[in-house]
Amino acid sequence: MTLITLLGFRGIGRYNSVCFFILLLVYSFILLSDLVVLYVICSQSSLHHQPMFIFIAALLLNSLVGSSTILPKLLVDLLSASDPTISLSMCILQAFVIYFIGASGFTLLSLMAYDRYVSICRPLQYHTLITMARVRVMLVGAWLAPGCLIGGATLLTSRVPLCRLGMERLYCNIYSLAKQGCGDILLSNVYGMLGVFLTVYLPSLFVFYSYACILAVCMKSSRVFIGKALQTCLPHLLVFINYFITTSYEIIGSRTEADPRSMAPTLVSLLVIIIPTMCNPIIYGLKMKDISRQIKRLHRLQNTH
């Protein structure tokens, strides 16, 4: 079995125990908050029949899978007395899941932007354009298309023979894995850049265009209309900006050489995973009135019993 050593933990050094307890609290919060919001959406018929909340539930499910792919392994590694290792097959699987979750997240955010665009800019056609059958097709496409693209990138990377078994990371990603190879990775790099454009920046352009159209409509409307539009669009926009900034930083950071003695790259690679997954349930749970109202109602029922 080929084992890859994760050298990113050397930057943490004597702070292993502190990082372990912080990560344990963070992961517990992510699990609890995601599950609460998912339960509220799935259990309330007034929510799970609305396309917007179906897309929110799918995005939270993505966050739950993504954090569970990385954080439990990180917690175990932080307790290790030596440099943590991971098998090549598990490293490839982890890299695929991380990239797949990120890519499908952007696709889901673009679907949310389309849903808000139709709702605000073309309200009379909303129930014609956004039917439950089309929502199901959109969800399948949001997972299937990125899965095929990321699967291709993973397959190309896995065919490159390794000549280095030490990775300056806390977890595996496709580009860092390709850099460990000693073969020609030109095709893998070109395919990777194409995949980044199609799964990150193309959906982002669509999101920017959708919200620009919504802004144009709001500028011609009353204050009441603007207030209602902000209530539904602002949480999605905040989540999208969060995703866009952290993902762009990760793309740039993974392609630049950093000082292996510095702790900053290690912390940043960790925050790239933690920030979006922590913020999603907070933003949707507090900013979306329909969800926050149901959470408060469940809390009151719990207190009465």
Protein backbone atom coordinates (compact mmCIF):
# COMPACT_ATOMS: atom_id res chain seq x y z
CA MET A 1 0.00 0.00 0.00
CA THR A 2 1.36 3.43 -1.00
CA LEU A 3 1.21 5.86 1.90
CA ILE A 4 1.39 9.65 1.55
CA THR A 5 2.66 11.71 4.47
CA LEU A 6 0.69 14.88 5.25
CA LEU A 7 3.39 17.36 6.21
CA GLY A 8 1.04 20.30 6.82
CA PHE A 9 0.71 19.26 10.47
CA ARG A 10 4.34 20.19 11.13
CA GLY A 11 3.32 23.86 11.03
CA ILE A 12 0.92 23.32 13.94
CA GLY A 13 3.57 21.82 16.20
CA ARG A 14 2.83 22.15 19.90
CA TYR A 15 -0.68 23.52 19.28
CA ASN A 16 -2.05 20.08 18.35
CA SER A 17 -4.18 19.71 21.49
CA VAL A 18 -5.63 23.23 21.23
CA CYS A 19 -6.43 22.71 17.55
CA PHE A 20 -8.03 19.37 18.33
CA PHE A 21 -10.52 20.82 20.83
CA ILE A 22 -11.29 23.82 18.61
CA LEU A 23 -11.87 21.57 15.59
CA LEU A 24 -13.99 19.20 17.68
CA LEU A 25 -16.23 22.10 18.74
CA VAL A 26 -16.39 23.41 15.18
CA TYR A 27 -17.30 20.02 13.74
CA SER A 28 -19.93 19.44 16.43
CA PHE A 29 -21.45 22.84 15.65
CA ILE A 30 -21.47 22.13 11.89
CA LEU A 31 -23.16 18.74 12.41
CA LEU A 32 -25.77 20.09 14.83
CA SER A 33 -26.64 23.27 12.93
CA ASP A 34 -26.77 21.59 9.51
CA LEU A 35 -28.94 18.78 10.82
CA VAL A 36 -31.31 21.21 12.58
CA VAL A 37 -31.86 23.32 9.45
CA LEU A 38 -32.17 20.20 7.27
CA TYR A 39 -34.72 18.73 9.70
CA VAL A 40 -36.74 21.94 9.70
CA ILE A 41 -36.83 22.09 5.89
CA CYS A 42 -37.65 18.39 5.45
CA SER A 43 -40.27 18.20 8.22
CA GLN A 44 -42.24 21.34 7.31
CA SER A 45 -44.51 20.93 4.29
CA SER A 46 -44.59 24.72 3.87
CA LEU A 47 -40.83 24.63 3.18
CA HIS A 48 -39.91 21.40 1.40
CA HIS A 49 -42.39 22.07 -1.40
CA GLN A 50 -40.66 25.33 -2.32
CA PRO A 51 -37.75 25.09 -4.82
CA MET A 52 -35.67 27.69 -2.96
CA PHE A 53 -35.64 25.61 0.23
CA ILE A 54 -34.96 22.40 -1.69
CA PHE A 55 -31.80 24.00 -3.11
CA ILE A 56 -30.83 25.23 0.38
CA ALA A 57 -31.25 21.70 1.77
CA ALA A 58 -29.07 20.31 -1.04
CA LEU A 59 -26.35 22.88 -0.32
CA LEU A 60 -26.41 22.09 3.42
CA LEU A 61 -26.21 18.38 2.61
CA ASN A 62 -23.15 19.16 0.51
CA SER A 63 -21.57 21.03 3.44
CA LEU A 64 -22.33 18.13 5.77
CA VAL A 65 -20.67 15.59 3.45
CA GLY A 66 -17.69 17.87 2.76
CA SER A 67 -16.94 18.56 6.42
CA SER A 68 -17.39 14.88 7.32
CA THR A 69 -14.89 13.92 4.61
CA ILE A 70 -12.12 16.08 6.10
CA LEU A 71 -12.66 17.00 9.76
CA PRO A 72 -12.91 13.51 11.40
CA LYS A 73 -9.63 12.49 9.70
CA LEU A 74 -8.05 15.79 10.83
CA LEU A 75 -9.15 15.16 14.42
CA VAL A 76 -7.53 11.71 14.41
CA ASP A 77 -4.37 13.08 12.76
CA LEU A 78 -4.02 15.82 15.39
CA LEU A 79 -3.75 13.13 18.07
CA SER A 80 -1.04 11.27 16.15
CA ALA A 81 2.44 11.32 17.67
CA SER A 82 4.12 11.12 14.25
CA ASP A 83 3.46 12.68 10.86
CA PRO A 84 -0.01 11.53 9.74
CA THR A 85 -0.28 9.37 6.64
CA ILE A 86 -3.05 8.48 4.22
CA SER A 87 -3.19 5.71 1.63
CA LEU A 88 -3.02 6.74 -2.01
CA SER A 89 -6.50 5.35 -2.75
CA MET A 90 -8.06 7.21 0.19
CA CYS A 91 -6.16 10.37 -0.77
CA ILE A 92 -7.59 10.20 -4.30
CA LEU A 93 -11.09 9.57 -2.92
CA GLN A 94 -10.80 12.47 -0.46
CA ALA A 95 -9.55 14.80 -3.20
CA PHE A 96 -12.44 13.79 -5.47
CA VAL A 97 -15.07 14.36 -2.76
CA ILE A 98 -13.64 17.77 -1.78
CA TYR A 99 -13.54 19.02 -5.37
CA PHE A 100 -16.94 17.51 -6.16
CA ILE A 101 -18.57 19.17 -3.14
CA GLY A 102 -17.03 22.53 -4.06
CA ALA A 103 -18.00 22.30 -7.74
CA SER A 104 -21.57 21.15 -7.09
CA GLY A 105 -21.89 23.90 -4.46
CA PHE A 106 -21.33 26.55 -7.12
CA THR A 107 -23.84 24.83 -9.42
CA LEU A 108 -26.44 24.83 -6.63
CA LEU A 109 -25.76 28.51 -5.92
CA SER A 110 -26.29 29.32 -9.59
CA LEU A 111 -29.62 27.45 -9.46
CA MET A 112 -30.63 29.51 -6.42
CA ALA A 113 -29.73 32.69 -8.30
CA TYR A 114 -31.86 31.52 -11.26
CA ASP A 115 -34.76 30.76 -8.91
CA ARG A 116 -34.55 34.26 -7.39
CA TYR A 117 -34.16 35.83 -10.86
CA VAL A 118 -37.34 34.20 -12.16
CA SER A 119 -39.22 34.95 -8.92
CA ILE A 120 -38.37 38.67 -8.96
CA CYS A 121 -37.83 39.54 -12.64
CA ARG A 122 -40.43 37.20 -14.20
CA PRO A 123 -42.94 36.49 -11.42
CA LEU A 124 -45.87 35.65 -13.71
CA GLN A 125 -43.87 32.85 -15.32
CA TYR A 126 -42.40 31.46 -12.10
CA HIS A 127 -44.73 28.46 -11.72
CA THR A 128 -44.31 27.64 -15.42
CA LEU A 129 -40.51 27.83 -15.44
CA ILE A 130 -39.80 26.44 -11.95
CA THR A 131 -41.83 23.24 -11.65
CA MET A 132 -41.03 20.40 -9.24
CA ALA A 133 -40.14 18.13 -12.18
CA ARG A 134 -37.62 20.70 -13.44
CA VAL A 135 -36.26 21.17 -9.92
CA ARG A 136 -35.50 17.43 -9.74
CA VAL A 137 -33.75 17.56 -13.10
CA MET A 138 -31.76 20.63 -11.95
CA LEU A 139 -30.67 18.84 -8.77
CA VAL A 140 -29.53 15.75 -10.68
CA GLY A 141 -27.63 17.96 -13.13
CA ALA A 142 -26.10 19.99 -10.27
CA TRP A 143 -24.48 16.81 -8.93
CA LEU A 144 -23.99 14.80 -12.13
CA ALA A 145 -22.22 17.38 -14.34
CA PRO A 146 -19.61 18.41 -11.71
CA GLY A 147 -19.18 14.74 -10.76
CA CYS A 148 -18.25 13.83 -14.34
CA LEU A 149 -15.85 16.78 -14.69
CA ILE A 150 -14.16 16.18 -11.35
CA GLY A 151 -14.09 12.43 -12.02
CA GLY A 152 -12.16 13.09 -15.23
CA ALA A 153 -9.63 15.29 -13.40
CA THR A 154 -9.24 12.67 -10.66
CA LEU A 155 -8.71 9.90 -13.21
CA LEU A 156 -6.00 11.89 -15.05
CA THR A 157 -4.21 12.65 -11.77
CA SER A 158 -4.38 9.05 -10.54
CA ARG A 159 -2.60 7.84 -13.71
CA VAL A 160 0.49 10.00 -13.03
CA PRO A 161 3.19 7.94 -11.23
CA LEU A 162 4.22 9.36 -7.85
CA CYS A 163 7.84 10.24 -7.14
CA ARG A 164 7.26 12.17 -3.89
CA LEU A 165 5.28 10.85 -0.94
CA GLY A 166 5.22 13.99 1.21
CA MET A 167 2.45 16.57 0.74
CA GLU A 168 2.52 20.00 2.42
CA ARG A 169 -1.19 19.79 3.17
CA LEU A 170 -3.60 18.86 5.94
CA TYR A 171 -5.77 16.99 3.45
CA CYS A 172 -5.54 15.85 -0.15
CA ASN A 173 -6.56 17.83 -3.20
CA ILE A 174 -6.20 16.98 -6.86
CA TYR A 175 -3.67 19.66 -7.80
CA SER A 176 -1.36 18.95 -4.84
CA LEU A 177 -1.56 15.24 -5.65
CA ALA A 178 -0.63 15.92 -9.29
CA LYS A 179 2.42 17.90 -8.13
CA GLN A 180 3.71 14.79 -6.36
CA GLY A 181 3.97 13.01 -9.71
CA CYS A 182 7.09 12.69 -11.81
CA GLY A 183 5.35 12.22 -15.15
CA ASP A 184 3.96 14.77 -17.59
CA ILE A 185 1.08 16.62 -15.91
CA LEU A 186 0.44 19.13 -18.70
CA LEU A 187 -2.81 17.43 -19.76
CA SER A 188 -3.92 17.21 -16.13
CA ASN A 189 -3.18 20.93 -15.60
CA VAL A 190 -5.01 22.01 -18.78
CA TYR A 191 -8.02 19.84 -17.93
CA GLY A 192 -7.93 21.15 -14.36
CA MET A 193 -8.00 24.80 -15.44
CA LEU A 194 -10.87 24.04 -17.83
CA GLY A 195 -12.70 22.28 -15.01
CA VAL A 196 -12.15 25.25 -12.66
CA PHE A 197 -13.62 27.61 -15.27
CA LEU A 198 -16.65 25.40 -15.97
CA THR A 199 -17.45 24.52 -12.34
CA VAL A 200 -16.46 27.71 -10.49
CA TYR A 201 -16.17 30.79 -12.65
CA LEU A 202 -18.86 30.07 -15.27
CA PRO A 203 -21.56 29.52 -12.58
CA SER A 204 -20.20 32.60 -10.77
CA LEU A 205 -20.65 34.72 -13.92
CA PHE A 206 -24.25 33.49 -14.11
CA VAL A 207 -24.82 34.38 -10.45
CA PHE A 208 -23.40 37.89 -10.96
CA TYR A 209 -25.60 38.37 -14.05
CA SER A 210 -28.73 37.16 -12.22
CA TYR A 211 -28.25 39.49 -9.27
CA ALA A 212 -27.40 42.38 -11.61
CA CYS A 213 -30.78 41.85 -13.31
CA ILE A 214 -32.49 41.66 -9.90
CA LEU A 215 -30.76 44.90 -8.85
CA ALA A 216 -31.92 46.60 -12.06
CA VAL A 217 -35.53 45.59 -11.34
CA CYS A 218 -35.29 46.69 -7.68
CA MET A 219 -34.04 50.15 -8.67
CA LYS A 220 -37.30 50.71 -10.57
CA SER A 221 -39.51 49.35 -7.79
CA SER A 222 -40.95 50.53 -4.46
CA ARG A 223 -39.16 50.32 -1.12
CA VAL A 224 -41.48 47.55 0.03
CA PHE A 225 -40.57 45.46 -3.02
CA ILE A 226 -36.85 46.12 -2.45
CA GLY A 227 -37.18 45.05 1.19
CA LYS A 228 -38.86 41.76 0.24
CA ALA A 229 -36.27 41.11 -2.46
CA LEU A 230 -33.41 41.70 -0.01
CA GLN A 231 -34.94 39.29 2.53
CA THR A 232 -34.71 36.40 0.08
CA CYS A 233 -31.63 37.39 -1.97
CA LEU A 234 -29.23 38.64 0.71
CA PRO A 235 -28.64 35.24 2.42
CA HIS A 236 -27.90 33.60 -0.96
CA LEU A 237 -25.60 36.44 -1.95
CA LEU A 238 -23.68 36.26 1.35
CA VAL A 239 -23.19 32.50 0.98
CA PHE A 240 -22.08 32.91 -2.64
CA ILE A 241 -19.53 35.63 -1.78
CA ASN A 242 -18.22 33.42 1.03
CA TYR A 243 -17.83 30.47 -1.36
CA PHE A 244 -16.28 32.58 -4.12
CA ILE A 245 -13.63 34.21 -1.93
CA THR A 246 -12.56 31.03 -0.10
CA THR A 247 -12.51 28.91 -3.27
CA SER A 248 -10.55 31.51 -5.26
CA TYR A 249 -8.02 31.77 -2.43
CA GLU A 250 -7.66 27.97 -2.34
CA ILE A 251 -7.18 27.79 -6.14
CA ILE A 252 -4.48 30.47 -6.04
CA GLY A 253 -2.88 29.17 -2.83
CA SER A 254 -2.56 25.58 -4.04
CA ARG A 255 -0.68 26.80 -7.13
CA THR A 256 1.88 28.92 -5.27
CA GLU A 257 4.88 27.73 -3.31
CA ALA A 258 4.76 28.58 0.39
CA ASP A 259 7.40 28.36 3.11
CA PRO A 260 6.92 24.89 4.66
CA ARG A 261 7.94 26.30 8.06
CA SER A 262 5.14 28.86 8.02
CA MET A 263 1.89 28.08 9.83
CA ALA A 264 -0.16 30.52 7.71
CA PRO A 265 -0.78 28.21 4.68
CA THR A 266 -1.89 25.44 7.05
CA LEU A 267 -4.40 27.68 8.83
CA VAL A 268 -5.70 29.15 5.58
CA SER A 269 -6.27 25.70 4.03
CA LEU A 270 -8.23 24.79 7.16
CA LEU A 271 -10.29 28.00 7.18
CA VAL A 272 -11.18 27.47 3.50
CA ILE A 273 -13.06 24.33 4.59
CA ILE A 274 -14.41 25.57 7.92
CA ILE A 275 -15.72 29.05 7.07
CA PRO A 276 -18.25 28.11 4.35
CA THR A 277 -19.54 25.04 6.20
CA MET A 278 -20.00 27.03 9.44
CA CYS A 279 -21.55 30.08 7.81
CA ASN A 280 -24.15 28.27 5.68
CA PRO A 281 -26.46 27.11 8.51
CA ILE A 282 -25.94 30.38 10.43
CA ILE A 283 -26.88 32.57 7.44
CA TYR A 284 -29.83 30.45 6.34
CA GLY A 285 -31.01 29.72 9.88
CA LEU A 286 -30.97 33.36 10.99
CA LYS A 287 -31.50 35.38 7.81
CA MET A 288 -34.22 33.29 6.14
CA LYS A 289 -37.36 34.26 8.07
CA ASP A 290 -39.30 31.11 7.15
CA ILE A 291 -36.54 28.87 8.51
CA SER A 292 -35.78 30.95 11.63
CA ARG A 293 -39.52 31.10 12.44
CA GLN A 294 -39.80 27.31 12.32
CA ILE A 295 -36.64 26.87 14.42
CA LYS A 296 -38.05 29.21 17.08
CA ARG A 297 -41.36 27.33 17.01
CA LEU A 298 -39.58 23.99 17.53
CA HIS A 299 -37.56 25.53 20.38
CA ARG A 300 -40.77 26.73 22.09
CA LEU A 301 -42.36 23.28 21.70
CA GLN A 302 -39.24 21.68 23.20
CA ASN A 303 -39.38 24.03 26.21
CA THR A 304 -43.08 23.30 26.84
CA HIS A 305 -42.36 19.56 27.01
